[in-house]
Amino acid sequence: MAKATSTESEGFTAEERAAIKERAKESRRKANGEADLLEKIAEMAGADRAMAERIHAIVTEVAPQLEPKTWYGQPAYAKDGKVLVFFQAASKFNTRYATLGFNDVANLDDGTLWPTAFALTGLTAAEEKQIGELVKKAVS
């Protein structure tokens, strides 16, 4: 396969290129799991940080068997080495909402159509409960 030219790579935004570099760094070094995740959360500002902190608390409470880590520089939780659930701060790609997402190893199947990502602009007790239920179902 031919090496990508600078013109081809210009299709990515600066934020996307930074995320790709972050992922490459994560792949090359020995991760420190929860310490790396908490460091990334601490770097977030405002609502992103508050939501990431709550999601971390929920995930570690309802699914302590998941491995905390970073994925593309964002908080994530893995099962058997594969990312199951992740949080993407709104500030990561300058979007109007943060994202809570589940990868294909999550057991969320419900017929032939089911959601795998959720937009978050804040968290109430009701959303926190729903997230806990989704994570429990995802790891089952």
N, C-alpha and C. Protein backbone atom coordinates (compact mmCIF):
# COMPACT_ATOMS: atom_id res chain seq x y z
N MET A 1 0.85 -1.18 0.00
CA MET A 1 0.00 0.00 0.00
C MET A 1 0.89 1.23 0.00
N ALA A 2 0.53 2.20 -0.81
CA ALA A 2 1.33 3.42 -0.93
C ALA A 2 1.22 4.27 0.33
N LYS A 3 2.29 4.96 0.60
CA LYS A 3 2.33 5.84 1.75
C LYS A 3 1.41 7.05 1.51
N ALA A 4 0.67 7.47 2.55
CA ALA A 4 -0.25 8.60 2.41
C ALA A 4 0.52 9.88 2.16
N THR A 5 0.03 10.67 1.25
CA THR A 5 0.66 11.96 0.98
C THR A 5 0.05 13.01 1.90
N SER A 6 0.70 14.15 1.97
CA SER A 6 0.17 15.21 2.83
C SER A 6 -1.20 15.66 2.34
N THR A 7 -1.44 15.58 1.02
CA THR A 7 -2.75 15.97 0.49
C THR A 7 -3.83 15.02 0.99
N GLU A 8 -3.54 13.71 1.00
CA GLU A 8 -4.52 12.74 1.47
C GLU A 8 -4.83 12.94 2.95
N SER A 9 -3.83 13.24 3.75
CA SER A 9 -4.05 13.40 5.18
C SER A 9 -4.76 14.71 5.51
N GLU A 10 -4.77 15.65 4.57
CA GLU A 10 -5.44 16.92 4.81
C GLU A 10 -6.95 16.77 4.90
N GLY A 11 -7.47 15.59 4.60
CA GLY A 11 -8.90 15.33 4.72
C GLY A 11 -9.36 15.27 6.17
N PHE A 12 -8.43 15.15 7.10
CA PHE A 12 -8.75 15.09 8.52
C PHE A 12 -8.66 16.48 9.14
N THR A 13 -9.52 16.73 10.10
CA THR A 13 -9.44 17.99 10.83
C THR A 13 -8.25 17.93 11.78
N ALA A 14 -7.87 19.04 12.34
CA ALA A 14 -6.78 19.07 13.31
C ALA A 14 -7.12 18.21 14.52
N GLU A 15 -8.38 18.24 14.94
CA GLU A 15 -8.81 17.43 16.09
C GLU A 15 -8.72 15.94 15.77
N GLU A 16 -9.12 15.56 14.56
CA GLU A 16 -9.04 14.15 14.16
C GLU A 16 -7.59 13.68 14.07
N ARG A 17 -6.72 14.52 13.50
CA ARG A 17 -5.29 14.15 13.44
C ARG A 17 -4.72 13.99 14.84
N ALA A 18 -5.10 14.88 15.77
CA ALA A 18 -4.63 14.77 17.15
C ALA A 18 -5.11 13.48 17.79
N ALA A 19 -6.37 13.09 17.54
CA ALA A 19 -6.91 11.85 18.10
C ALA A 19 -6.17 10.64 17.54
N ILE A 20 -5.86 10.66 16.26
CA ILE A 20 -5.13 9.56 15.65
C ILE A 20 -3.73 9.44 16.26
N LYS A 21 -3.07 10.57 16.45
CA LYS A 21 -1.74 10.57 17.08
C LYS A 21 -1.83 10.05 18.51
N GLU A 22 -2.87 10.45 19.23
CA GLU A 22 -3.07 10.00 20.61
C GLU A 22 -3.23 8.49 20.64
N ARG A 23 -4.02 7.94 19.72
CA ARG A 23 -4.24 6.49 19.66
C ARG A 23 -2.95 5.76 19.33
N ALA A 24 -2.17 6.30 18.42
CA ALA A 24 -0.88 5.68 18.07
C ALA A 24 0.04 5.66 19.28
N LYS A 25 0.06 6.76 20.04
CA LYS A 25 0.87 6.83 21.27
C LYS A 25 0.41 5.78 22.27
N GLU A 26 -0.91 5.64 22.43
CA GLU A 26 -1.47 4.65 23.37
C GLU A 26 -1.05 3.24 22.97
N SER A 27 -1.02 2.97 21.68
CA SER A 27 -0.66 1.64 21.19
C SER A 27 0.82 1.31 21.42
N ARG A 28 1.67 2.33 21.36
CA ARG A 28 3.11 2.11 21.49
C ARG A 28 3.59 1.96 22.93
N ARG A 29 2.93 2.57 23.86
CA ARG A 29 3.44 2.54 25.24
C ARG A 29 2.58 1.66 26.13
N LYS A 30 3.17 1.26 27.22
CA LYS A 30 2.45 0.47 28.22
C LYS A 30 1.51 1.42 28.94
N ALA A 31 0.24 1.15 28.84
CA ALA A 31 -0.77 2.02 29.45
C ALA A 31 -0.80 1.85 30.96
N ASN A 32 -1.19 2.91 31.64
CA ASN A 32 -1.35 2.86 33.09
C ASN A 32 -2.82 2.84 33.47
N GLY A 33 -3.66 2.36 32.56
CA GLY A 33 -5.07 2.13 32.83
C GLY A 33 -5.80 3.28 33.48
N GLU A 34 -6.22 3.06 34.71
CA GLU A 34 -7.05 4.04 35.40
C GLU A 34 -6.31 5.36 35.61
N ALA A 35 -5.02 5.32 35.87
CA ALA A 35 -4.27 6.56 36.07
C ALA A 35 -4.31 7.42 34.80
N ASP A 36 -4.13 6.80 33.63
CA ASP A 36 -4.20 7.54 32.37
C ASP A 36 -5.60 8.10 32.16
N LEU A 37 -6.60 7.29 32.43
CA LEU A 37 -8.00 7.71 32.27
C LEU A 37 -8.29 8.91 33.17
N LEU A 38 -7.91 8.83 34.43
CA LEU A 38 -8.17 9.93 35.37
C LEU A 38 -7.42 11.20 34.97
N GLU A 39 -6.23 11.03 34.42
CA GLU A 39 -5.46 12.19 33.95
C GLU A 39 -6.20 12.88 32.80
N LYS A 40 -6.74 12.10 31.88
CA LYS A 40 -7.49 12.67 30.75
C LYS A 40 -8.76 13.37 31.23
N ILE A 41 -9.43 12.78 32.20
CA ILE A 41 -10.63 13.43 32.75
C ILE A 41 -10.25 14.75 33.41
N ALA A 42 -9.15 14.77 34.15
CA ALA A 42 -8.71 15.99 34.84
C ALA A 42 -8.37 17.11 33.85
N GLU A 43 -7.96 16.74 32.64
CA GLU A 43 -7.64 17.74 31.62
C GLU A 43 -8.89 18.37 31.00
N MET A 44 -10.03 17.73 31.16
CA MET A 44 -11.28 18.24 30.59
C MET A 44 -11.77 19.44 31.40
N ALA A 45 -12.61 20.23 30.77
CA ALA A 45 -13.17 21.41 31.44
C ALA A 45 -14.68 21.26 31.61
N GLY A 46 -15.20 21.97 32.59
CA GLY A 46 -16.62 22.15 32.78
C GLY A 46 -17.49 20.91 32.73
N ALA A 47 -18.51 20.98 31.88
CA ALA A 47 -19.50 19.91 31.78
C ALA A 47 -18.88 18.60 31.32
N ASP A 48 -17.91 18.66 30.41
CA ASP A 48 -17.25 17.43 29.96
C ASP A 48 -16.63 16.69 31.14
N ARG A 49 -15.90 17.43 31.97
CA ARG A 49 -15.25 16.80 33.12
C ARG A 49 -16.27 16.24 34.10
N ALA A 50 -17.31 17.01 34.39
CA ALA A 50 -18.34 16.56 35.33
C ALA A 50 -19.01 15.28 34.83
N MET A 51 -19.34 15.23 33.55
CA MET A 51 -19.97 14.02 33.01
C MET A 51 -19.00 12.85 33.00
N ALA A 52 -17.76 13.08 32.61
CA ALA A 52 -16.76 12.01 32.58
C ALA A 52 -16.52 11.45 33.98
N GLU A 53 -16.47 12.31 34.98
CA GLU A 53 -16.29 11.85 36.36
C GLU A 53 -17.46 10.98 36.81
N ARG A 54 -18.69 11.40 36.50
CA ARG A 54 -19.87 10.62 36.88
C ARG A 54 -19.92 9.29 36.14
N ILE A 55 -19.60 9.33 34.85
CA ILE A 55 -19.61 8.08 34.08
C ILE A 55 -18.56 7.13 34.62
N HIS A 56 -17.39 7.65 34.97
CA HIS A 56 -16.36 6.79 35.55
C HIS A 56 -16.86 6.14 36.83
N ALA A 57 -17.50 6.93 37.68
CA ALA A 57 -18.03 6.39 38.94
C ALA A 57 -19.09 5.32 38.67
N ILE A 58 -19.97 5.58 37.73
CA ILE A 58 -21.04 4.61 37.40
C ILE A 58 -20.45 3.32 36.86
N VAL A 59 -19.56 3.43 35.88
CA VAL A 59 -18.99 2.24 35.25
C VAL A 59 -18.21 1.41 36.26
N THR A 60 -17.39 2.06 37.07
CA THR A 60 -16.60 1.29 38.04
C THR A 60 -17.47 0.67 39.12
N GLU A 61 -18.63 1.27 39.40
CA GLU A 61 -19.53 0.70 40.38
C GLU A 61 -20.30 -0.50 39.83
N VAL A 62 -20.88 -0.35 38.63
CA VAL A 62 -21.74 -1.42 38.11
C VAL A 62 -20.98 -2.49 37.34
N ALA A 63 -19.76 -2.18 36.89
CA ALA A 63 -18.98 -3.16 36.12
C ALA A 63 -17.51 -3.08 36.51
N PRO A 64 -17.19 -3.42 37.77
CA PRO A 64 -15.80 -3.30 38.21
C PRO A 64 -14.84 -4.22 37.45
N GLN A 65 -15.37 -5.20 36.72
CA GLN A 65 -14.53 -6.10 35.94
C GLN A 65 -13.98 -5.45 34.67
N LEU A 66 -14.54 -4.32 34.27
CA LEU A 66 -14.04 -3.64 33.08
C LEU A 66 -12.71 -2.95 33.39
N GLU A 67 -11.84 -2.94 32.40
CA GLU A 67 -10.51 -2.35 32.53
C GLU A 67 -10.53 -0.89 32.08
N PRO A 68 -10.30 0.06 33.01
CA PRO A 68 -10.24 1.48 32.61
C PRO A 68 -8.99 1.72 31.76
N LYS A 69 -9.14 2.55 30.73
CA LYS A 69 -8.02 2.88 29.85
C LYS A 69 -8.37 4.13 29.07
N THR A 70 -7.47 4.59 28.24
CA THR A 70 -7.81 5.66 27.31
C THR A 70 -7.87 5.07 25.92
N TRP A 71 -8.68 5.69 25.10
CA TRP A 71 -8.87 5.24 23.72
C TRP A 71 -9.04 6.49 22.88
N TYR A 72 -8.13 6.73 21.97
CA TYR A 72 -8.09 7.98 21.22
C TYR A 72 -8.06 9.18 22.16
N GLY A 73 -7.39 8.99 23.30
CA GLY A 73 -7.23 10.07 24.27
C GLY A 73 -8.46 10.36 25.10
N GLN A 74 -9.42 9.45 25.11
CA GLN A 74 -10.66 9.65 25.86
C GLN A 74 -10.88 8.47 26.81
N PRO A 75 -11.68 8.67 27.86
CA PRO A 75 -11.95 7.58 28.81
C PRO A 75 -12.67 6.42 28.13
N ALA A 76 -12.22 5.21 28.45
CA ALA A 76 -12.84 4.01 27.88
C ALA A 76 -12.70 2.87 28.89
N TYR A 77 -13.49 1.83 28.66
CA TYR A 77 -13.51 0.68 29.56
C TYR A 77 -13.55 -0.57 28.69
N ALA A 78 -12.61 -1.48 28.94
CA ALA A 78 -12.45 -2.65 28.08
C ALA A 78 -12.84 -3.94 28.77
N LYS A 79 -13.27 -4.89 27.96
CA LYS A 79 -13.58 -6.25 28.41
C LYS A 79 -12.73 -7.17 27.55
N ASP A 80 -11.92 -7.99 28.21
CA ASP A 80 -11.03 -8.92 27.49
C ASP A 80 -10.17 -8.18 26.46
N GLY A 81 -9.70 -6.98 26.84
CA GLY A 81 -8.81 -6.22 25.98
C GLY A 81 -9.48 -5.39 24.89
N LYS A 82 -10.79 -5.52 24.73
CA LYS A 82 -11.50 -4.77 23.69
C LYS A 82 -12.39 -3.70 24.33
N VAL A 83 -12.33 -2.48 23.79
CA VAL A 83 -13.12 -1.39 24.34
C VAL A 83 -14.60 -1.70 24.18
N LEU A 84 -15.29 -1.67 25.30
CA LEU A 84 -16.73 -1.96 25.33
C LEU A 84 -17.53 -0.66 25.37
N VAL A 85 -17.13 0.28 26.22
CA VAL A 85 -17.83 1.55 26.38
C VAL A 85 -16.81 2.68 26.47
N PHE A 86 -17.18 3.84 25.91
CA PHE A 86 -16.27 4.98 25.93
C PHE A 86 -17.04 6.28 26.08
N PHE A 87 -16.34 7.29 26.54
CA PHE A 87 -16.89 8.64 26.65
C PHE A 87 -16.06 9.53 25.75
N GLN A 88 -16.72 10.36 24.95
CA GLN A 88 -16.03 11.33 24.11
C GLN A 88 -16.51 12.71 24.49
N ALA A 89 -15.61 13.52 25.00
CA ALA A 89 -15.94 14.88 25.41
C ALA A 89 -16.39 15.71 24.20
N ALA A 90 -17.33 16.60 24.42
CA ALA A 90 -17.78 17.50 23.35
C ALA A 90 -16.62 18.34 22.82
N SER A 91 -15.71 18.70 23.72
CA SER A 91 -14.57 19.53 23.33
C SER A 91 -13.58 18.79 22.43
N LYS A 92 -13.61 17.47 22.41
CA LYS A 92 -12.65 16.70 21.62
C LYS A 92 -12.72 17.07 20.15
N PHE A 93 -13.92 17.18 19.61
CA PHE A 93 -14.10 17.53 18.21
C PHE A 93 -14.97 18.78 18.03
N ASN A 94 -15.05 19.59 19.10
CA ASN A 94 -15.83 20.83 19.06
C ASN A 94 -17.28 20.59 18.64
N THR A 95 -17.90 19.59 19.26
CA THR A 95 -19.30 19.29 18.96
C THR A 95 -20.20 19.87 20.05
N ARG A 96 -21.48 19.90 19.81
CA ARG A 96 -22.40 20.50 20.78
C ARG A 96 -22.79 19.54 21.89
N TYR A 97 -22.38 18.29 21.80
CA TYR A 97 -22.69 17.31 22.85
C TYR A 97 -21.56 16.31 23.00
N ALA A 98 -21.44 15.76 24.19
CA ALA A 98 -20.50 14.66 24.45
C ALA A 98 -21.18 13.37 23.98
N THR A 99 -20.41 12.31 23.87
CA THR A 99 -20.94 11.04 23.40
C THR A 99 -20.58 9.93 24.37
N LEU A 100 -21.56 9.11 24.71
CA LEU A 100 -21.33 7.86 25.41
C LEU A 100 -21.58 6.78 24.37
N GLY A 101 -20.56 5.99 24.08
CA GLY A 101 -20.69 5.00 23.01
C GLY A 101 -20.34 3.60 23.46
N PHE A 102 -20.87 2.64 22.74
CA PHE A 102 -20.61 1.23 22.99
C PHE A 102 -20.11 0.60 21.70
N ASN A 103 -19.08 -0.21 21.80
CA ASN A 103 -18.55 -0.92 20.64
C ASN A 103 -19.24 -2.27 20.48
N ASP A 104 -18.87 -2.98 19.43
CA ASP A 104 -19.58 -4.21 19.08
C ASP A 104 -19.45 -5.34 20.09
N VAL A 105 -18.54 -5.27 21.04
CA VAL A 105 -18.45 -6.31 22.08
C VAL A 105 -19.51 -6.12 23.16
N ALA A 106 -20.23 -4.99 23.12
CA ALA A 106 -21.29 -4.74 24.09
C ALA A 106 -22.53 -5.56 23.72
N ASN A 107 -23.12 -6.18 24.72
CA ASN A 107 -24.32 -7.00 24.51
C ASN A 107 -25.58 -6.14 24.64
N LEU A 108 -25.77 -5.26 23.69
CA LEU A 108 -26.94 -4.39 23.72
C LEU A 108 -27.98 -4.78 22.67
N ASP A 109 -27.73 -5.88 21.99
CA ASP A 109 -28.61 -6.30 20.90
C ASP A 109 -30.07 -6.34 21.34
N ASP A 110 -30.92 -5.76 20.51
CA ASP A 110 -32.36 -5.74 20.76
C ASP A 110 -33.04 -5.82 19.40
N GLY A 111 -33.23 -7.03 18.90
CA GLY A 111 -33.80 -7.21 17.57
C GLY A 111 -32.75 -6.93 16.52
N THR A 112 -33.15 -6.23 15.47
CA THR A 112 -32.21 -5.94 14.38
C THR A 112 -31.78 -4.47 14.35
N LEU A 113 -32.24 -3.68 15.33
CA LEU A 113 -31.89 -2.26 15.41
C LEU A 113 -31.80 -1.84 16.87
N TRP A 114 -30.64 -1.28 17.26
CA TRP A 114 -30.48 -0.80 18.64
C TRP A 114 -29.44 0.32 18.66
N PRO A 115 -29.56 1.24 19.61
CA PRO A 115 -28.60 2.34 19.69
C PRO A 115 -27.26 1.89 20.26
N THR A 116 -26.19 2.47 19.75
CA THR A 116 -24.86 2.19 20.28
C THR A 116 -24.13 3.45 20.73
N ALA A 117 -24.74 4.61 20.54
CA ALA A 117 -24.13 5.86 20.99
C ALA A 117 -25.23 6.82 21.44
N PHE A 118 -24.90 7.61 22.44
CA PHE A 118 -25.86 8.52 23.03
C PHE A 118 -25.23 9.91 23.16
N ALA A 119 -25.98 10.94 22.80
CA ALA A 119 -25.53 12.31 22.97
C ALA A 119 -25.82 12.74 24.40
N LEU A 120 -24.85 13.42 25.02
CA LEU A 120 -25.00 13.90 26.40
C LEU A 120 -24.70 15.39 26.46
N THR A 121 -25.63 16.14 27.03
CA THR A 121 -25.37 17.56 27.29
C THR A 121 -25.36 17.82 28.79
N GLY A 122 -25.70 16.82 29.56
CA GLY A 122 -25.72 16.89 31.01
C GLY A 122 -26.22 15.57 31.54
N LEU A 123 -26.11 15.39 32.85
CA LEU A 123 -26.57 14.13 33.46
C LEU A 123 -27.46 14.43 34.65
N THR A 124 -28.64 13.85 34.65
CA THR A 124 -29.52 13.89 35.81
C THR A 124 -29.46 12.51 36.45
N ALA A 125 -30.11 12.35 37.58
CA ALA A 125 -30.17 11.04 38.24
C ALA A 125 -30.80 10.00 37.32
N ALA A 126 -31.79 10.41 36.54
CA ALA A 126 -32.45 9.47 35.61
C ALA A 126 -31.48 8.97 34.54
N GLU A 127 -30.69 9.88 33.96
CA GLU A 127 -29.72 9.45 32.95
C GLU A 127 -28.62 8.59 33.57
N GLU A 128 -28.19 8.94 34.77
CA GLU A 128 -27.17 8.13 35.44
C GLU A 128 -27.67 6.71 35.66
N LYS A 129 -28.93 6.58 36.06
CA LYS A 129 -29.51 5.25 36.24
C LYS A 129 -29.56 4.50 34.91
N GLN A 130 -29.97 5.19 33.85
CA GLN A 130 -30.04 4.56 32.53
C GLN A 130 -28.66 4.11 32.07
N ILE A 131 -27.64 4.93 32.29
CA ILE A 131 -26.28 4.56 31.91
C ILE A 131 -25.85 3.32 32.68
N GLY A 132 -26.12 3.28 33.98
CA GLY A 132 -25.78 2.09 34.77
C GLY A 132 -26.44 0.84 34.22
N GLU A 133 -27.71 0.94 33.85
CA GLU A 133 -28.43 -0.21 33.29
C GLU A 133 -27.85 -0.63 31.95
N LEU A 134 -27.51 0.34 31.10
CA LEU A 134 -26.91 0.01 29.81
C LEU A 134 -25.57 -0.68 29.97
N VAL A 135 -24.74 -0.18 30.89
CA VAL A 135 -23.42 -0.79 31.10
C VAL A 135 -23.58 -2.21 31.64
N LYS A 136 -24.51 -2.41 32.60
CA LYS A 136 -24.76 -3.76 33.12
C LYS A 136 -25.17 -4.71 31.99
N LYS A 137 -26.08 -4.26 31.14
CA LYS A 137 -26.54 -5.09 30.02
C LYS A 137 -25.38 -5.35 29.05
N ALA A 138 -24.59 -4.33 28.79
CA ALA A 138 -23.49 -4.45 27.83
C ALA A 138 -22.46 -5.49 28.24
N VAL A 139 -22.20 -5.64 29.52
CA VAL A 139 -21.18 -6.59 29.98
C VAL A 139 -21.74 -7.99 30.23
N SER A 140 -23.06 -8.13 30.20
CA SER A 140 -23.65 -9.45 30.49
C SER A 140 -23.42 -10.47 29.41
